[in-house]
Amino acid sequence: MKTRIYHYIASILFAVILSSATAFAQTAATVTEHTVQRGESLESIASKYNVTPQAILDANPTIKTIFTGIKLTIPAPTAQPLQQTATGIQQTQQEAASSDNAANENTADGPGSEVFFETGYGFLEGKSNSTYKIVAGFNYYFTERLRNLYAGIGIGYNSSSYISSMRVGHKYYNSSLDLHFLTVPAEIGFALCTKNKRWGITPYGGFDLNIGISGKQKVNDEKSNYKKFGGKLAIDAKLGIRIRLGYLNIGGAYHFPINKKQEKYFGDDAYPEISIGCGF
């Protein structure tokens, strides 16, 4: 009789221990945490842990929206077939993802401006003839589908060292001009580059307004002030291309004279120019 009682008590204790162990294992299983990664959805996470989407929702009652970086409590696996549930939270998740994508697109593709600095050296017609300039300004990038289209304007210094022959009566003299200008370059271009505009190629076109400041003229080695030069306006058009390497711009352009003053101060023909600069 006592032996049966002992066996009965032992069976009860064994059942209690087994139930406790099972409950502990289930409880341990329910506290599994998962950090949501980029591109994951409620369904993909549920499939990964062999649970239903609704089970994940039930285990996380305070979470209304799933997004990258949030931590989820994953319940114990189930053998039941996974079902497509929780339509409301899916829609919320999709709306949040759409908003994030739109924000990213606006950040990358929206309007913006950059400050630039550039120095250039031009090769004028004739031996030892040259022009040198240094400018600063800003470029404005347009929106949406025109996000790579920009317009820019700047201000700076330009110079011309030009030697030519001049005729006085029946005689020809060597005339050397050393001229200084206030220059206002303007251009429009299209940046074929990455979204952050740090790598790529940019073709552009525009014009330069060169306003005379001061100058010296030397005729047959006799120096004199170049009279009636201040305020004179020389205009040229330009076509060029720049290669962008991070913040560094390396470019080349051709300048074409527009008015007679440009031809007089920089030569009759178009001239090439190389440039280097940076943009921020």
Protein backbone atom coordinates (compact mmCIF):
# COMPACT_ATOMS: atom_id res chain seq x y z
CA MET A 1 0.00 0.00 0.00
CA LYS A 2 2.77 2.40 1.00
CA THR A 3 4.65 1.45 -2.15
CA ARG A 4 1.66 2.46 -4.33
CA ILE A 5 1.37 5.73 -2.47
CA TYR A 6 5.07 6.45 -3.03
CA HIS A 7 4.71 5.61 -6.72
CA TYR A 8 1.64 7.89 -6.97
CA ILE A 9 3.47 10.82 -5.26
CA ALA A 10 6.52 10.29 -7.44
CA SER A 11 4.35 10.36 -10.58
CA ILE A 12 2.75 13.63 -9.51
CA LEU A 13 6.15 15.20 -8.75
CA PHE A 14 7.50 14.02 -12.11
CA ALA A 15 4.50 15.53 -13.92
CA VAL A 16 4.94 18.82 -12.07
CA ILE A 17 8.66 18.95 -12.89
CA LEU A 18 8.01 18.06 -16.53
CA SER A 19 5.28 20.73 -16.82
CA SER A 20 7.52 23.33 -15.20
CA ALA A 21 10.39 22.48 -17.54
CA THR A 22 8.08 22.69 -20.56
CA ALA A 23 6.65 26.01 -19.41
CA PHE A 24 10.16 27.32 -18.78
CA ALA A 25 11.27 26.22 -22.23
CA GLN A 26 8.24 27.87 -23.81
CA THR A 27 8.85 31.03 -21.82
CA ALA A 28 12.50 31.04 -22.85
CA ALA A 29 11.46 30.59 -26.45
CA THR A 30 9.10 33.57 -26.30
CA VAL A 31 11.82 36.00 -25.29
CA THR A 32 13.85 35.61 -28.49
CA GLU A 33 14.64 39.05 -29.86
CA HIS A 34 15.07 40.04 -33.50
CA THR A 35 16.35 43.37 -34.77
CA VAL A 36 14.61 44.34 -38.00
CA GLN A 37 17.06 44.71 -40.89
CA ARG A 38 16.74 46.84 -44.00
CA GLY A 39 14.37 45.22 -46.51
CA GLU A 40 12.70 42.87 -44.02
CA SER A 41 8.92 42.69 -43.66
CA LEU A 42 6.60 41.20 -41.06
CA GLU A 43 5.99 38.15 -43.29
CA SER A 44 9.67 37.50 -44.00
CA ILE A 45 10.51 37.65 -40.28
CA ALA A 46 7.61 35.32 -39.44
CA SER A 47 8.74 32.85 -42.11
CA LYS A 48 12.31 32.96 -40.78
CA TYR A 49 11.22 31.91 -37.28
CA ASN A 50 8.40 29.59 -38.43
CA VAL A 51 5.69 31.63 -36.73
CA THR A 52 2.66 33.52 -37.97
CA PRO A 53 2.71 37.31 -38.45
CA GLN A 54 -0.21 37.54 -36.03
CA ALA A 55 1.82 35.70 -33.37
CA ILE A 56 4.54 38.34 -33.66
CA LEU A 57 1.95 41.10 -33.36
CA ASP A 58 0.45 39.43 -30.26
CA ALA A 59 3.91 39.20 -28.68
CA ASN A 60 4.55 42.89 -29.32
CA PRO A 61 1.28 44.66 -28.42
CA THR A 62 2.90 48.09 -28.05
CA ILE A 63 4.46 48.15 -31.50
CA LYS A 64 2.30 49.69 -34.21
CA THR A 65 4.84 50.19 -37.00
CA ILE A 66 7.76 48.01 -38.03
CA PHE A 67 10.85 49.78 -39.33
CA THR A 68 14.59 49.19 -39.67
CA GLY A 69 16.38 48.89 -36.31
CA ILE A 70 13.35 48.10 -34.11
CA LYS A 71 13.59 45.04 -31.82
CA LEU A 72 10.81 42.44 -31.88
CA THR A 73 9.99 39.70 -29.41
CA ILE A 74 9.59 36.43 -31.34
CA PRO A 75 7.25 33.76 -29.85
CA ALA A 76 7.89 30.02 -29.90
CA PRO A 77 7.75 28.34 -33.33
CA THR A 78 4.49 26.82 -34.43
CA ALA A 79 3.66 24.03 -36.79
CA GLN A 80 0.58 25.83 -38.07
CA PRO A 81 0.66 27.15 -41.67
CA LEU A 82 1.79 30.74 -41.96
CA GLN A 83 -0.99 33.09 -42.99
CA GLN A 84 -1.03 36.57 -44.45
CA THR A 85 -2.50 38.63 -41.61
CA ALA A 86 -2.25 42.02 -40.01
CA THR A 87 -3.31 43.99 -43.08
CA GLY A 88 -3.45 47.22 -41.13
CA ILE A 89 0.13 47.09 -39.94
CA GLN A 90 1.29 46.03 -43.40
CA GLN A 91 -0.30 49.13 -44.87
CA THR A 92 1.23 51.28 -42.15
CA GLN A 93 4.60 49.68 -42.80
CA GLN A 94 4.29 50.29 -46.53
CA GLU A 95 3.26 53.91 -45.97
CA ALA A 96 6.21 54.44 -43.64
CA ALA A 97 8.57 52.87 -46.18
CA SER A 98 7.12 55.07 -48.92
CA SER A 99 7.61 58.15 -46.75
CA ASP A 100 11.21 57.14 -46.01
CA ASN A 101 11.91 56.56 -49.68
CA ALA A 102 10.35 59.88 -50.60
CA ALA A 103 12.44 61.61 -47.96
CA ASN A 104 15.59 59.94 -49.26
CA GLU A 105 14.73 60.87 -52.82
CA ASN A 106 14.09 64.47 -51.84
CA THR A 107 17.37 64.57 -49.97
CA ALA A 108 19.33 63.18 -52.91
CA ASP A 109 17.36 64.62 -55.80
CA GLY A 110 16.03 67.88 -54.48
CA PRO A 111 17.29 71.39 -55.18
CA GLY A 112 20.56 72.53 -53.76
CA SER A 113 23.47 74.87 -54.27
CA GLU A 114 27.22 74.65 -54.02
CA VAL A 115 30.01 77.17 -53.64
CA PHE A 116 32.91 76.82 -56.06
CA PHE A 117 36.40 78.21 -56.56
CA GLU A 118 38.27 77.91 -59.84
CA THR A 119 41.47 79.10 -61.47
CA GLY A 120 42.11 78.90 -65.21
CA TYR A 121 44.91 79.44 -67.69
CA GLY A 122 44.18 80.26 -71.35
CA PHE A 123 46.46 79.97 -74.37
CA LEU A 124 45.95 83.02 -76.60
CA GLU A 125 46.95 83.19 -80.25
CA GLY A 126 50.62 83.91 -80.68
CA LYS A 127 53.77 82.96 -78.83
CA SER A 128 53.80 83.75 -75.10
CA ASN A 129 50.27 85.20 -75.19
CA SER A 130 48.12 84.03 -72.30
CA THR A 131 45.28 84.80 -69.96
CA TYR A 132 44.90 83.93 -66.29
CA LYS A 133 41.82 84.09 -64.09
CA ILE A 134 40.61 83.16 -60.61
CA VAL A 135 36.93 83.22 -59.69
CA ALA A 136 34.50 82.23 -56.95
CA GLY A 137 30.74 81.76 -57.14
CA PHE A 138 27.89 79.32 -56.67
CA ASN A 139 25.90 76.78 -58.69
CA TYR A 140 22.20 76.11 -58.21
CA TYR A 141 20.85 72.62 -58.97
CA PHE A 142 17.22 72.28 -60.03
CA THR A 143 14.57 69.81 -58.76
CA GLU A 144 13.22 66.33 -59.55
CA ARG A 145 13.85 65.21 -63.15
CA LEU A 146 16.02 68.29 -63.71
CA ARG A 147 18.08 67.64 -60.58
CA ASN A 148 21.32 67.35 -62.61
CA LEU A 149 20.69 70.61 -64.48
CA TYR A 150 22.34 73.61 -62.88
CA ALA A 151 23.05 77.30 -63.46
CA GLY A 152 26.05 79.07 -62.02
CA ILE A 153 27.47 82.57 -61.69
CA GLY A 154 30.67 83.93 -60.22
CA ILE A 155 32.96 86.93 -59.89
CA GLY A 156 36.71 87.27 -59.96
CA TYR A 157 39.87 88.52 -61.63
CA ASN A 158 40.99 88.00 -65.24
CA SER A 159 44.08 89.15 -67.08
CA SER A 160 45.47 89.23 -70.61
CA SER A 161 49.09 89.38 -71.70
CA TYR A 162 48.90 89.95 -75.43
CA ILE A 163 51.57 90.88 -77.97
CA SER A 164 50.54 91.94 -81.45
CA SER A 165 51.61 94.12 -84.35
CA MET A 166 50.07 97.54 -84.80
CA ARG A 167 50.23 99.83 -87.80
CA VAL A 168 50.91 103.54 -87.48
CA GLY A 169 51.02 105.22 -90.88
CA HIS A 170 53.19 103.04 -93.07
CA LYS A 171 55.11 101.49 -90.21
CA TYR A 172 54.38 98.43 -88.01
CA TYR A 173 55.26 98.30 -84.34
CA ASN A 174 55.24 95.54 -81.74
CA SER A 175 52.50 96.31 -79.24
CA SER A 176 52.43 94.56 -75.88
CA LEU A 177 49.32 94.76 -73.70
CA ASP A 178 49.17 93.82 -70.04
CA LEU A 179 45.50 94.13 -69.05
CA HIS A 180 43.48 93.49 -65.90
CA PHE A 181 39.75 92.80 -65.72
CA LEU A 182 36.90 92.25 -63.32
CA THR A 183 35.29 89.10 -64.74
CA VAL A 184 31.74 87.82 -64.24
CA PRO A 185 31.37 84.26 -65.59
CA ALA A 186 27.95 82.66 -66.02
CA GLU A 187 27.13 79.15 -67.22
CA ILE A 188 24.55 76.39 -67.43
CA GLY A 189 25.37 72.69 -67.50
CA PHE A 190 24.20 69.14 -66.88
CA ALA A 191 25.99 67.03 -64.27
CA LEU A 192 26.33 63.40 -65.38
CA CYS A 193 27.32 62.23 -61.93
CA THR A 194 26.33 60.35 -58.80
CA LYS A 195 23.41 61.53 -56.65
CA ASN A 196 25.72 63.27 -54.21
CA LYS A 197 27.34 65.05 -57.18
CA ARG A 198 30.83 64.05 -56.12
CA TRP A 199 31.88 61.87 -59.09
CA GLY A 200 31.12 62.39 -62.76
CA ILE A 201 31.43 64.49 -65.90
CA THR A 202 29.77 67.87 -66.46
CA PRO A 203 29.43 69.46 -69.91
CA TYR A 204 28.55 73.16 -69.77
CA GLY A 205 28.27 76.36 -71.78
CA GLY A 206 28.11 80.04 -70.92
CA PHE A 207 29.76 83.42 -71.30
CA ASP A 208 32.24 85.71 -69.52
CA LEU A 209 31.83 89.45 -69.03
CA ASN A 210 35.31 91.01 -68.75
CA ILE A 211 35.19 94.60 -67.47
CA GLY A 212 38.41 96.60 -67.87
CA ILE A 213 40.11 97.85 -64.71
CA SER A 214 43.62 98.93 -65.68
CA GLY A 215 46.26 98.19 -68.26
CA LYS A 216 49.74 98.90 -69.55
CA GLN A 217 50.85 99.17 -73.17
CA LYS A 218 54.38 98.86 -74.45
CA VAL A 219 55.17 99.91 -78.04
CA ASN A 220 58.71 99.10 -79.21
CA ASP A 221 59.79 98.74 -75.56
CA GLU A 222 58.39 102.15 -74.54
CA LYS A 223 55.89 101.75 -71.70
CA SER A 224 52.81 103.90 -71.26
CA ASN A 225 49.44 103.76 -69.55
CA TYR A 226 46.78 102.21 -71.72
CA LYS A 227 44.29 105.04 -71.95
CA LYS A 228 40.53 104.69 -72.24
CA PHE A 229 40.60 101.11 -71.01
CA GLY A 230 38.80 101.28 -67.67
CA GLY A 231 35.16 100.22 -67.93
CA LYS A 232 35.52 98.67 -71.38
CA LEU A 233 33.48 95.49 -71.75
CA ALA A 234 34.81 92.39 -73.53
CA ILE A 235 32.46 89.42 -73.93
CA ASP A 236 33.19 85.84 -74.87
CA ALA A 237 31.18 82.62 -75.09
CA LYS A 238 32.52 79.30 -73.86
CA LEU A 239 31.89 75.57 -74.17
CA GLY A 240 33.61 73.14 -71.87
CA ILE A 241 33.62 70.00 -69.78
CA ARG A 242 34.69 69.22 -66.22
CA ILE A 243 35.62 65.97 -64.55
CA ARG A 244 34.58 65.82 -60.90
CA LEU A 245 36.73 63.76 -58.54
CA GLY A 246 35.23 64.16 -55.08
CA TYR A 247 35.47 67.86 -54.33
CA LEU A 248 38.05 68.49 -57.07
CA ASN A 249 37.09 69.75 -60.54
CA ILE A 250 39.45 69.47 -63.52
CA GLY A 251 38.24 71.00 -66.78
CA GLY A 252 38.87 72.39 -70.19
CA ALA A 253 36.97 74.90 -72.34
CA TYR A 254 37.08 76.86 -75.57
CA HIS A 255 36.39 80.61 -75.51
CA PHE A 256 34.94 82.42 -78.54
CA PRO A 257 35.00 86.22 -78.94
CA ILE A 258 31.57 87.88 -79.05
CA ASN A 259 32.43 91.57 -79.50
CA LYS A 260 35.28 93.64 -80.91
CA LYS A 261 36.71 94.44 -77.49
CA GLN A 262 37.18 90.74 -76.80
CA GLU A 263 39.02 90.35 -80.11
CA LYS A 264 41.20 93.37 -79.33
CA TYR A 265 42.16 92.30 -75.80
CA PHE A 266 42.26 88.51 -76.19
CA GLY A 267 42.86 87.96 -79.90
CA ASP A 268 40.68 87.38 -82.95
CA ASP A 269 40.50 83.61 -82.62
CA ALA A 270 39.00 81.22 -80.09
CA TYR A 271 41.42 80.03 -77.46
CA PRO A 272 41.61 76.94 -75.20
CA GLU A 273 41.66 77.12 -71.42
CA ILE A 274 42.46 74.57 -68.74
CA SER A 275 41.12 74.92 -65.22
CA ILE A 276 41.21 73.37 -61.78
CA GLY A 277 38.94 74.11 -58.85
CA CYS A 278 36.76 72.74 -56.10
CA GLY A 279 33.10 72.76 -55.08
CA PHE A 280 31.39 72.36 -51.71
